[in-house]
Amino acid sequence: MTDPVVARIRANPKYQELKAKRNRFGWTLTVAMLVVYFGYISLIAFNKEFLSQKIGAGVTSLGIPIGMGVILFTVLITGLYVRRANNEFDRLTREILEKEVK
């Protein structure tokens, strides 16, 4: 048995819009993260010489800042998702609930 409020929410066009936007954005960020991560892992597996190049006169190789870049990219896309969720997705959710839950 389905709750009538749930059925009304699911039928709401704004709910459909919210689902579509959230899923599309989530999958876009997922693909971007997979490309960056597996790109770095592929460099480790297939081009060790590139990553082992020294930076300056020290002992740090090029792989270290690139690896830090992967971590930074992860933090940035997480922040991007949170920002959009807190603004756009939450606004749509409020609009849906204000209309359907009375």
PDB file of N, CA and C in Angstrom:
ATOM      1  N   MET A   1       0.838  -1.163   0.000  1.00  0.00           N
ATOM      2  CA  MET A   1       0.000   0.000   0.000  1.00  0.00           C
ATOM      3  C   MET A   1       0.897   1.244   0.000  1.00  0.00           C
ATOM      4  N   THR A   2       0.576   2.192  -0.861  1.00  0.00           N
ATOM      5  CA  THR A   2       1.378   3.401  -1.001  1.00  0.00           C
ATOM      6  C   THR A   2       0.683   4.560  -0.295  1.00  0.00           C
ATOM      7  N   ASP A   3       1.493   5.322   0.409  1.00  0.00           N
ATOM      8  CA  ASP A   3       0.994   6.527   1.074  1.00  0.00           C
ATOM      9  C   ASP A   3       0.582   7.538   0.005  1.00  0.00           C
ATOM     10  N   PRO A   4      -0.582   8.179   0.138  1.00  0.00           N
ATOM     11  CA  PRO A   4      -1.019   9.141  -0.886  1.00  0.00           C
ATOM     12  C   PRO A   4      -0.087  10.347  -1.019  1.00  0.00           C
ATOM     13  N   VAL A   5       0.565  10.734   0.067  1.00  0.00           N
ATOM     14  CA  VAL A   5       1.507  11.862  -0.004  1.00  0.00           C
ATOM     15  C   VAL A   5       2.701  11.478  -0.872  1.00  0.00           C
ATOM     16  N   VAL A   6       3.190  10.267  -0.678  1.00  0.00           N
ATOM     17  CA  VAL A   6       4.323   9.787  -1.480  1.00  0.00           C
ATOM     18  C   VAL A   6       3.929   9.735  -2.955  1.00  0.00           C
ATOM     19  N   ALA A   7       2.748   9.260  -3.229  1.00  0.00           N
ATOM     20  CA  ALA A   7       2.277   9.186  -4.625  1.00  0.00           C
ATOM     21  C   ALA A   7       2.169  10.582  -5.243  1.00  0.00           C
ATOM     22  N   ARG A   8       1.687  11.557  -4.481  1.00  0.00           N
ATOM     23  CA  ARG A   8       1.590  12.928  -5.001  1.00  0.00           C
ATOM     24  C   ARG A   8       2.974  13.520  -5.244  1.00  0.00           C
ATOM     25  N   ILE A   9       3.894  13.251  -4.336  1.00  0.00           N
ATOM     26  CA  ILE A   9       5.259  13.761  -4.510  1.00  0.00           C
ATOM     27  C   ILE A   9       5.884  13.160  -5.761  1.00  0.00           C
ATOM     28  N   ARG A  10       5.741  11.860  -5.935  1.00  0.00           N
ATOM     29  CA  ARG A  10       6.316  11.193  -7.117  1.00  0.00           C
ATOM     30  C   ARG A  10       5.706  11.691  -8.418  1.00  0.00           C
ATOM     31  N   ALA A  11       4.462  12.119  -8.371  1.00  0.00           N
ATOM     32  CA  ALA A  11       3.794  12.610  -9.576  1.00  0.00           C
ATOM     33  C   ALA A  11       4.102  14.082  -9.854  1.00  0.00           C
ATOM     34  N   ASN A  12       4.676  14.766  -8.906  1.00  0.00           N
ATOM     35  CA  ASN A  12       4.972  16.189  -9.055  1.00  0.00           C
ATOM     36  C   ASN A  12       6.070  16.402 -10.104  1.00  0.00           C
ATOM     37  N   PRO A  13       5.845  17.294 -11.075  1.00  0.00           N
ATOM     38  CA  PRO A  13       6.866  17.541 -12.107  1.00  0.00           C
ATOM     39  C   PRO A  13       8.177  18.083 -11.527  1.00  0.00           C
ATOM     40  N   LYS A  14       8.111  18.836 -10.443  1.00  0.00           N
ATOM     41  CA  LYS A  14       9.346  19.334  -9.827  1.00  0.00           C
ATOM     42  C   LYS A  14      10.157  18.191  -9.216  1.00  0.00           C
ATOM     43  N   TYR A  15       9.469  17.160  -8.730  1.00  0.00           N
ATOM     44  CA  TYR A  15      10.176  15.995  -8.203  1.00  0.00           C
ATOM     45  C   TYR A  15      10.907  15.268  -9.331  1.00  0.00           C
ATOM     46  N   GLN A  16      10.237  15.137 -10.457  1.00  0.00           N
ATOM     47  CA  GLN A  16      10.878  14.509 -11.619  1.00  0.00           C
ATOM     48  C   GLN A  16      12.099  15.324 -12.057  1.00  0.00           C
ATOM     49  N   GLU A  17      11.947  16.655 -12.041  1.00  0.00           N
ATOM     50  CA  GLU A  17      13.069  17.544 -12.390  1.00  0.00           C
ATOM     51  C   GLU A  17      14.214  17.368 -11.403  1.00  0.00           C
ATOM     52  N   LEU A  18      13.892  17.332 -10.106  1.00  0.00           N
ATOM     53  CA  LEU A  18      14.910  17.151  -9.072  1.00  0.00           C
ATOM     54  C   LEU A  18      15.652  15.839  -9.260  1.00  0.00           C
ATOM     55  N   LYS A  19      14.907  14.759  -9.477  1.00  0.00           N
ATOM     56  CA  LYS A  19      15.539  13.454  -9.677  1.00  0.00           C
ATOM     57  C   LYS A  19      16.469  13.466 -10.879  1.00  0.00           C
ATOM     58  N   ALA A  20      15.993  14.030 -11.980  1.00  0.00           N
ATOM     59  CA  ALA A  20      16.793  14.043 -13.208  1.00  0.00           C
ATOM     60  C   ALA A  20      18.063  14.871 -13.030  1.00  0.00           C
ATOM     61  N   LYS A  21      17.925  16.067 -12.462  1.00  0.00           N
ATOM     62  CA  LYS A  21      19.099  16.932 -12.271  1.00  0.00           C
ATOM     63  C   LYS A  21      20.109  16.304 -11.318  1.00  0.00           C
ATOM     64  N   ARG A  22      19.606  15.775 -10.209  1.00  0.00           N
ATOM     65  CA  ARG A  22      20.503  15.188  -9.209  1.00  0.00           C
ATOM     66  C   ARG A  22      21.230  13.978  -9.769  1.00  0.00           C
ATOM     67  N   ASN A  23      20.504  13.113 -10.475  1.00  0.00           N
ATOM     68  CA  ASN A  23      21.142  11.927 -11.053  1.00  0.00           C
ATOM     69  C   ASN A  23      22.157  12.295 -12.127  1.00  0.00           C
ATOM     70  N   ARG A  24      21.790  13.221 -13.012  1.00  0.00           N
ATOM     71  CA  ARG A  24      22.704  13.628 -14.086  1.00  0.00           C
ATOM     72  C   ARG A  24      23.978  14.257 -13.502  1.00  0.00           C
ATOM     73  N   PHE A  25      23.809  15.125 -12.515  1.00  0.00           N
ATOM     74  CA  PHE A  25      24.965  15.785 -11.899  1.00  0.00           C
ATOM     75  C   PHE A  25      25.838  14.773 -11.153  1.00  0.00           C
ATOM     76  N   GLY A  26      25.198  13.861 -10.424  1.00  0.00           N
ATOM     77  CA  GLY A  26      25.954  12.840  -9.696  1.00  0.00           C
ATOM     78  C   GLY A  26      26.753  11.939 -10.623  1.00  0.00           C
ATOM     79  N   TRP A  27      26.136  11.523 -11.720  1.00  0.00           N
ATOM     80  CA  TRP A  27      26.851  10.672 -12.672  1.00  0.00           C
ATOM     81  C   TRP A  27      27.974  11.426 -13.386  1.00  0.00           C
ATOM     82  N   THR A  28      27.750  12.700 -13.663  1.00  0.00           N
ATOM     83  CA  THR A  28      28.808  13.504 -14.299  1.00  0.00           C
ATOM     84  C   THR A  28      30.027  13.595 -13.392  1.00  0.00           C
ATOM     85  N   LEU A  29      29.796  13.878 -12.111  1.00  0.00           N
ATOM     86  CA  LEU A  29      30.915  13.956 -11.168  1.00  0.00           C
ATOM     87  C   LEU A  29      31.569  12.591 -10.961  1.00  0.00           C
ATOM     88  N   THR A  30      30.771  11.542 -10.972  1.00  0.00           N
ATOM     89  CA  THR A  30      31.330  10.196 -10.823  1.00  0.00           C
ATOM     90  C   THR A  30      32.252   9.849 -11.987  1.00  0.00           C
ATOM     91  N   VAL A  31      31.807  10.136 -13.190  1.00  0.00           N
ATOM     92  CA  VAL A  31      32.636   9.853 -14.371  1.00  0.00           C
ATOM     93  C   VAL A  31      33.920  10.687 -14.329  1.00  0.00           C
ATOM     94  N   ALA A  32      33.793  11.967 -13.960  1.00  0.00           N
ATOM     95  CA  ALA A  32      34.984  12.825 -13.866  1.00  0.00           C
ATOM     96  C   ALA A  32      35.978  12.256 -12.851  1.00  0.00           C
ATOM     97  N   MET A  33      35.476  11.814 -11.705  1.00  0.00           N
ATOM     98  CA  MET A  33      36.365  11.265 -10.679  1.00  0.00           C
ATOM     99  C   MET A  33      37.015   9.973 -11.150  1.00  0.00           C
ATOM    100  N   LEU A  34      36.259   9.133 -11.827  1.00  0.00           N
ATOM    101  CA  LEU A  34      36.820   7.880 -12.334  1.00  0.00           C
ATOM    102  C   LEU A  34      37.907   8.136 -13.375  1.00  0.00           C
ATOM    103  N   VAL A  35      37.684   9.118 -14.241  1.00  0.00           N
ATOM    104  CA  VAL A  35      38.681   9.449 -15.260  1.00  0.00           C
ATOM    105  C   VAL A  35      39.974   9.935 -14.598  1.00  0.00           C
ATOM    106  N   VAL A  36      39.840  10.831 -13.628  1.00  0.00           N
ATOM    107  CA  VAL A  36      41.026  11.368 -12.942  1.00  0.00           C
ATOM    108  C   VAL A  36      41.744  10.251 -12.179  1.00  0.00           C
ATOM    109  N   TYR A  37      41.004   9.475 -11.400  1.00  0.00           N
ATOM    110  CA  TYR A  37      41.617   8.432 -10.588  1.00  0.00           C
ATOM    111  C   TYR A  37      42.274   7.357 -11.451  1.00  0.00           C
ATOM    112  N   PHE A  38      41.526   6.819 -12.405  1.00  0.00           N
ATOM    113  CA  PHE A  38      42.103   5.749 -13.219  1.00  0.00           C
ATOM    114  C   PHE A  38      43.159   6.286 -14.183  1.00  0.00           C
ATOM    115  N   GLY A  39      43.081   7.566 -14.531  1.00  0.00           N
ATOM    116  CA  GLY A  39      44.159   8.176 -15.305  1.00  0.00           C
ATOM    117  C   GLY A  39      45.461   8.172 -14.520  1.00  0.00           C
ATOM    118  N   TYR A  40      45.373   8.536 -13.243  1.00  0.00           N
ATOM    119  CA  TYR A  40      46.558   8.528 -12.388  1.00  0.00           C
ATOM    120  C   TYR A  40      47.081   7.107 -12.191  1.00  0.00           C
ATOM    121  N   ILE A  41      46.193   6.173 -11.929  1.00  0.00           N
ATOM    122  CA  ILE A  41      46.603   4.777 -11.760  1.00  0.00           C
ATOM    123  C   ILE A  41      47.214   4.239 -13.055  1.00  0.00           C
ATOM    124  N   SER A  42      46.669   4.635 -14.198  1.00  0.00           N
ATOM    125  CA  SER A  42      47.232   4.204 -15.481  1.00  0.00           C
ATOM    126  C   SER A  42      48.630   4.759 -15.683  1.00  0.00           C
ATOM    127  N   LEU A  43      48.836   6.014 -15.266  1.00  0.00           N
ATOM    128  CA  LEU A  43      50.194   6.574 -15.336  1.00  0.00           C
ATOM    129  C   LEU A  43      51.157   5.765 -14.485  1.00  0.00           C
ATOM    130  N   ILE A  44      50.706   5.387 -13.294  1.00  0.00           N
ATOM    131  CA  ILE A  44      51.560   4.578 -12.422  1.00  0.00           C
ATOM    132  C   ILE A  44      51.879   3.244 -13.084  1.00  0.00           C
ATOM    133  N   ALA A  45      50.884   2.645 -13.712  1.00  0.00           N
ATOM    134  CA  ALA A  45      51.071   1.318 -14.302  1.00  0.00           C
ATOM    135  C   ALA A  45      51.864   1.348 -15.606  1.00  0.00           C
ATOM    136  N   PHE A  46      51.632   2.364 -16.441  1.00  0.00           N
ATOM    137  CA  PHE A  46      52.177   2.320 -17.795  1.00  0.00           C
ATOM    138  C   PHE A  46      53.235   3.371 -18.114  1.00  0.00           C
ATOM    139  N   ASN A  47      53.425   4.359 -17.257  1.00  0.00           N
ATOM    140  CA  ASN A  47      54.407   5.401 -17.555  1.00  0.00           C
ATOM    141  C   ASN A  47      55.135   5.837 -16.288  1.00  0.00           C
ATOM    142  N   LYS A  48      55.788   4.873 -15.657  1.00  0.00           N
ATOM    143  CA  LYS A  48      56.506   5.149 -14.416  1.00  0.00           C
ATOM    144  C   LYS A  48      57.613   6.187 -14.608  1.00  0.00           C
ATOM    145  N   GLU A  49      58.206   6.182 -15.795  1.00  0.00           N
ATOM    146  CA  GLU A  49      59.308   7.121 -16.056  1.00  0.00           C
ATOM    147  C   GLU A  49      58.818   8.561 -15.963  1.00  0.00           C
ATOM    148  N   PHE A  50      57.633   8.824 -16.463  1.00  0.00           N
ATOM    149  CA  PHE A  50      57.078  10.173 -16.403  1.00  0.00           C
ATOM    150  C   PHE A  50      56.876  10.607 -14.959  1.00  0.00           C
ATOM    151  N   LEU A  51      56.271   9.749 -14.164  1.00  0.00           N
ATOM    152  CA  LEU A  51      55.992  10.104 -12.773  1.00  0.00           C
ATOM    153  C   LEU A  51      57.244  10.158 -11.904  1.00  0.00           C
ATOM    154  N   SER A  52      58.287   9.460 -12.298  1.00  0.00           N
ATOM    155  CA  SER A  52      59.493   9.424 -11.471  1.00  0.00           C
ATOM    156  C   SER A  52      60.465  10.573 -11.772  1.00  0.00           C
ATOM    157  N   GLN A  53      60.094  11.473 -12.670  1.00  0.00           N
ATOM    158  CA  GLN A  53      60.951  12.626 -12.951  1.00  0.00           C
ATOM    159  C   GLN A  53      61.077  13.496 -11.703  1.00  0.00           C
ATOM    160  N   LYS A  54      62.295  13.878 -11.391  1.00  0.00           N
ATOM    161  CA  LYS A  54      62.546  14.713 -10.217  1.00  0.00           C
ATOM    162  C   LYS A  54      62.103  16.147 -10.479  1.00  0.00           C
ATOM    163  N   ILE A  55      61.616  16.789  -9.430  1.00  0.00           N
ATOM    164  CA  ILE A  55      61.261  18.213  -9.493  1.00  0.00           C
ATOM    165  C   ILE A  55      62.394  18.976  -8.825  1.00  0.00           C
ATOM    166  N   GLY A  56      63.088  19.763  -9.589  1.00  0.00           N
ATOM    167  CA  GLY A  56      64.205  20.535  -9.038  1.00  0.00           C
ATOM    168  C   GLY A  56      65.346  19.631  -8.604  1.00  0.00           C
ATOM    169  N   ALA A  57      66.075  20.089  -7.570  1.00  0.00           N
ATOM    170  CA  ALA A  57      67.245  19.344  -7.106  1.00  0.00           C
ATOM    171  C   ALA A  57      66.904  18.424  -5.946  1.00  0.00           C
ATOM    172  N   GLY A  58      65.659  18.418  -5.493  1.00  0.00           N
ATOM    173  CA  GLY A  58      65.257  17.618  -4.342  1.00  0.00           C
ATOM    174  C   GLY A  58      64.965  16.178  -4.707  1.00  0.00           C
ATOM    175  N   VAL A  59      64.297  15.512  -3.790  1.00  0.00           N
ATOM    176  CA  VAL A  59      63.968  14.099  -3.986  1.00  0.00           C
ATOM    177  C   VAL A  59      62.517  13.899  -4.413  1.00  0.00           C
ATOM    178  N   THR A  60      61.750  14.950  -4.472  1.00  0.00           N
ATOM    179  CA  THR A  60      60.340  14.840  -4.835  1.00  0.00           C
ATOM    180  C   THR A  60      60.197  14.588  -6.328  1.00  0.00           C
ATOM    181  N   SER A  61      59.376  13.592  -6.650  1.00  0.00           N
ATOM    182  CA  SER A  61      59.138  13.269  -8.062  1.00  0.00           C
ATOM    183  C   SER A  61      57.825  13.911  -8.507  1.00  0.00           C
ATOM    184  N   LEU A  62      57.598  13.907  -9.800  1.00  0.00           N
ATOM    185  CA  LEU A  62      56.402  14.494 -10.391  1.00  0.00           C
ATOM    186  C   LEU A  62      55.127  13.780  -9.943  1.00  0.00           C
ATOM    187  N   GLY A  63      55.234  12.524  -9.557  1.00  0.00           N
ATOM    188  CA  GLY A  63      54.071  11.755  -9.113  1.00  0.00           C
ATOM    189  C   GLY A  63      53.429  12.304  -7.848  1.00  0.00           C
ATOM    190  N   ILE A  64      54.224  12.916  -6.974  1.00  0.00           N
ATOM    191  CA  ILE A  64      53.691  13.437  -5.705  1.00  0.00           C
ATOM    192  C   ILE A  64      52.709  14.587  -5.943  1.00  0.00           C
ATOM    193  N   PRO A  65      53.076  15.644  -6.661  1.00  0.00           N
ATOM    194  CA  PRO A  65      52.079  16.709  -6.870  1.00  0.00           C
ATOM    195  C   PRO A  65      50.884  16.272  -7.715  1.00  0.00           C
ATOM    196  N   ILE A  66      51.095  15.342  -8.625  1.00  0.00           N
ATOM    197  CA  ILE A  66      49.956  14.843  -9.399  1.00  0.00           C
ATOM    198  C   ILE A  66      49.016  14.057  -8.486  1.00  0.00           C
ATOM    199  N   GLY A  67      49.555  13.242  -7.604  1.00  0.00           N
ATOM    200  CA  GLY A  67      48.736  12.510  -6.626  1.00  0.00           C
ATOM    201  C   GLY A  67      48.001  13.461  -5.696  1.00  0.00           C
ATOM    202  N   MET A  68      48.675  14.529  -5.277  1.00  0.00           N
ATOM    203  CA  MET A  68      48.013  15.548  -4.453  1.00  0.00           C
ATOM    204  C   MET A  68      46.896  16.220  -5.247  1.00  0.00           C
ATOM    205  N   GLY A  69      47.117  16.387  -6.551  1.00  0.00           N
ATOM    206  CA  GLY A  69      46.084  16.958  -7.412  1.00  0.00           C
ATOM    207  C   GLY A  69      44.842  16.080  -7.478  1.00  0.00           C
ATOM    208  N   VAL A  70      45.040  14.764  -7.482  1.00  0.00           N
ATOM    209  CA  VAL A  70      43.902  13.840  -7.474  1.00  0.00           C
ATOM    210  C   VAL A  70      43.103  14.022  -6.184  1.00  0.00           C
ATOM    211  N   ILE A  71      43.797  14.130  -5.067  1.00  0.00           N
ATOM    212  CA  ILE A  71      43.124  14.335  -3.777  1.00  0.00           C
ATOM    213  C   ILE A  71      42.415  15.683  -3.762  1.00  0.00           C
ATOM    214  N   LEU A  72      43.075  16.716  -4.240  1.00  0.00           N
ATOM    215  CA  LEU A  72      42.469  18.048  -4.282  1.00  0.00           C
ATOM    216  C   LEU A  72      41.232  18.055  -5.198  1.00  0.00           C
ATOM    217  N   PHE A  73      41.322  17.375  -6.333  1.00  0.00           N
ATOM    218  CA  PHE A  73      40.183  17.278  -7.243  1.00  0.00           C
ATOM    219  C   PHE A  73      38.990  16.627  -6.545  1.00  0.00           C
ATOM    220  N   THR A  74      39.261  15.583  -5.752  1.00  0.00           N
ATOM    221  CA  THR A  74      38.196  14.911  -5.012  1.00  0.00           C
ATOM    222  C   THR A  74      37.516  15.867  -4.040  1.00  0.00           C
ATOM    223  N   VAL A  75      38.307  16.638  -3.313  1.00  0.00           N
ATOM    224  CA  VAL A  75      37.760  17.605  -2.363  1.00  0.00           C
ATOM    225  C   VAL A  75      36.948  18.667  -3.106  1.00  0.00           C
ATOM    226  N   LEU A  76      37.455  19.136  -4.245  1.00  0.00           N
ATOM    227  CA  LEU A  76      36.756  20.176  -5.007  1.00  0.00           C
ATOM    228  C   LEU A  76      35.407  19.700  -5.556  1.00  0.00           C
ATOM    229  N   ILE A  77      35.362  18.499  -6.115  1.00  0.00           N
ATOM    230  CA  ILE A  77      34.081  18.048  -6.663  1.00  0.00           C
ATOM    231  C   ILE A  77      33.099  17.705  -5.543  1.00  0.00           C
ATOM    232  N   THR A  78      33.612  17.288  -4.386  1.00  0.00           N
ATOM    233  CA  THR A  78      32.731  17.078  -3.238  1.00  0.00           C
ATOM    234  C   THR A  78      32.121  18.409  -2.811  1.00  0.00           C
ATOM    235  N   GLY A  79      32.944  19.449  -2.729  1.00  0.00           N
ATOM    236  CA  GLY A  79      32.447  20.777  -2.392  1.00  0.00           C
ATOM    237  C   GLY A  79      31.456  21.298  -3.412  1.00  0.00           C
ATOM    238  N   LEU A  80      31.727  21.029  -4.675  1.00  0.00           N
ATOM    239  CA  LEU A  80      30.817  21.443  -5.741  1.00  0.00           C
ATOM    240  C   LEU A  80      29.462  20.758  -5.591  1.00  0.00           C
ATOM    241  N   TYR A  81      29.478  19.468  -5.289  1.00  0.00           N
ATOM    242  CA  TYR A  81      28.216  18.749  -5.107  1.00  0.00           C
ATOM    243  C   TYR A  81      27.459  19.284  -3.899  1.00  0.00           C
ATOM    244  N   VAL A  82      28.151  19.501  -2.789  1.00  0.00           N
ATOM    245  CA  VAL A  82      27.503  20.004  -1.569  1.00  0.00           C
ATOM    246  C   VAL A  82      26.905  21.383  -1.812  1.00  0.00           C
ATOM    247  N   ARG A  83      27.637  22.234  -2.503  1.00  0.00           N
ATOM    248  CA  ARG A  83      27.131  23.581  -2.792  1.00  0.00           C
ATOM    249  C   ARG A  83      25.849  23.521  -3.629  1.00  0.00           C
ATOM    250  N   ARG A  84      25.867  22.711  -4.663  1.00  0.00           N
ATOM    251  CA  ARG A  84      24.677  22.610  -5.515  1.00  0.00           C
ATOM    252  C   ARG A  84      23.522  21.947  -4.764  1.00  0.00           C
ATOM    253  N   ALA A  85      23.829  20.935  -3.971  1.00  0.00           N
ATOM    254  CA  ALA A  85      22.784  20.259  -3.197  1.00  0.00           C
ATOM    255  C   ALA A  85      22.159  21.222  -2.195  1.00  0.00           C
ATOM    256  N   ASN A  86      22.987  22.004  -1.512  1.00  0.00           N
ATOM    257  CA  ASN A  86      22.466  22.936  -0.508  1.00  0.00           C
ATOM    258  C   ASN A  86      21.667  24.072  -1.123  1.00  0.00           C
ATOM    259  N   ASN A  87      21.954  24.437  -2.338  1.00  0.00           N
ATOM    260  CA  ASN A  87      21.231  25.535  -2.979  1.00  0.00           C
ATOM    261  C   ASN A  87      20.081  25.027  -3.839  1.00  0.00           C
ATOM    262  N   GLU A  88      20.401  24.468  -4.960  1.00  0.00           N
ATOM    263  CA  GLU A  88      19.384  24.101  -5.947  1.00  0.00           C
ATOM    264  C   GLU A  88      18.534  22.912  -5.514  1.00  0.00           C
ATOM    265  N   PHE A  89      19.158  21.813  -5.086  1.00  0.00           N
ATOM    266  CA  PHE A  89      18.408  20.607  -4.765  1.00  0.00           C
ATOM    267  C   PHE A  89      17.539  20.805  -3.527  1.00  0.00           C
ATOM    268  N   ASP A  90      18.069  21.476  -2.517  1.00  0.00           N
ATOM    269  CA  ASP A  90      17.267  21.734  -1.321  1.00  0.00           C
ATOM    270  C   ASP A  90      16.105  22.683  -1.616  1.00  0.00           C
ATOM    271  N   ARG A  91      16.315  23.666  -2.479  1.00  0.00           N
ATOM    272  CA  ARG A  91      15.245  24.589  -2.846  1.00  0.00           C
ATOM    273  C   ARG A  91      14.109  23.836  -3.532  1.00  0.00           C
ATOM    274  N   LEU A  92      14.467  22.974  -4.483  1.00  0.00           N
ATOM    275  CA  LEU A  92      13.450  22.175  -5.169  1.00  0.00           C
ATOM    276  C   LEU A  92      12.709  21.261  -4.189  1.00  0.00           C
ATOM    277  N   THR A  93      13.435  20.668  -3.261  1.00  0.00           N
ATOM    278  CA  THR A  93      12.815  19.797  -2.269  1.00  0.00           C
ATOM    279  C   THR A  93      11.821  20.571  -1.413  1.00  0.00           C
ATOM    280  N   ARG A  94      12.206  21.764  -0.973  1.00  0.00           N
ATOM    281  CA  ARG A  94      11.291  22.602  -0.184  1.00  0.00           C
ATOM    282  C   ARG A  94      10.033  22.945  -0.972  1.00  0.00           C
ATOM    283  N   GLU A  95      10.212  23.313  -2.246  1.00  0.00           N
ATOM    284  CA  GLU A  95       9.055  23.653  -3.078  1.00  0.00           C
ATOM    285  C   GLU A  95       8.105  22.463  -3.229  1.00  0.00           C
ATOM    286  N   ILE A  96       8.667  21.289  -3.412  1.00  0.00           N
ATOM    287  CA  ILE A  96       7.838  20.083  -3.546  1.00  0.00           C
ATOM    288  C   ILE A  96       7.074  19.826  -2.255  1.00  0.00           C
ATOM    289  N   LEU A  97       7.780  19.877  -1.137  1.00  0.00           N
ATOM    290  CA  LEU A  97       7.135  19.582   0.143  1.00  0.00           C
ATOM    291  C   LEU A  97       6.088  20.624   0.515  1.00  0.00           C
ATOM    292  N   GLU A  98       6.349  21.893   0.207  1.00  0.00           N
ATOM    293  CA  GLU A  98       5.373  22.937   0.511  1.00  0.00           C
ATOM    294  C   GLU A  98       4.072  22.711  -0.254  1.00  0.00           C
ATOM    295  N   LYS A  99       4.187  22.213  -1.460  1.00  0.00           N
ATOM    296  CA  LYS A  99       2.995  22.006  -2.274  1.00  0.00           C
ATOM    297  C   LYS A  99       2.269  20.707  -1.919  1.00  0.00           C
ATOM    298  N   GLU A 100       3.009  19.643  -1.695  1.00  0.00           N
ATOM    299  CA  GLU A 100       2.398  18.315  -1.561  1.00  0.00           C
ATOM    300  C   GLU A 100       2.102  17.888  -0.125  1.00  0.00           C
ATOM    301  N   VAL A 101       2.813  18.430   0.842  1.00  0.00           N
ATOM    302  CA  VAL A 101       2.592  18.024   2.240  1.00  0.00           C
ATOM    303  C   VAL A 101       1.938  19.191   2.975  1.00  0.00           C
ATOM    304  N   LYS A 102       0.653  19.056   3.179  1.00  0.00           N
ATOM    305  CA  LYS A 102      -0.089  20.132   3.833  1.00  0.00           C
ATOM    306  C   LYS A 102      -0.809  19.625   5.048  1.00  0.00           C
TER     307      LYS A 102
END
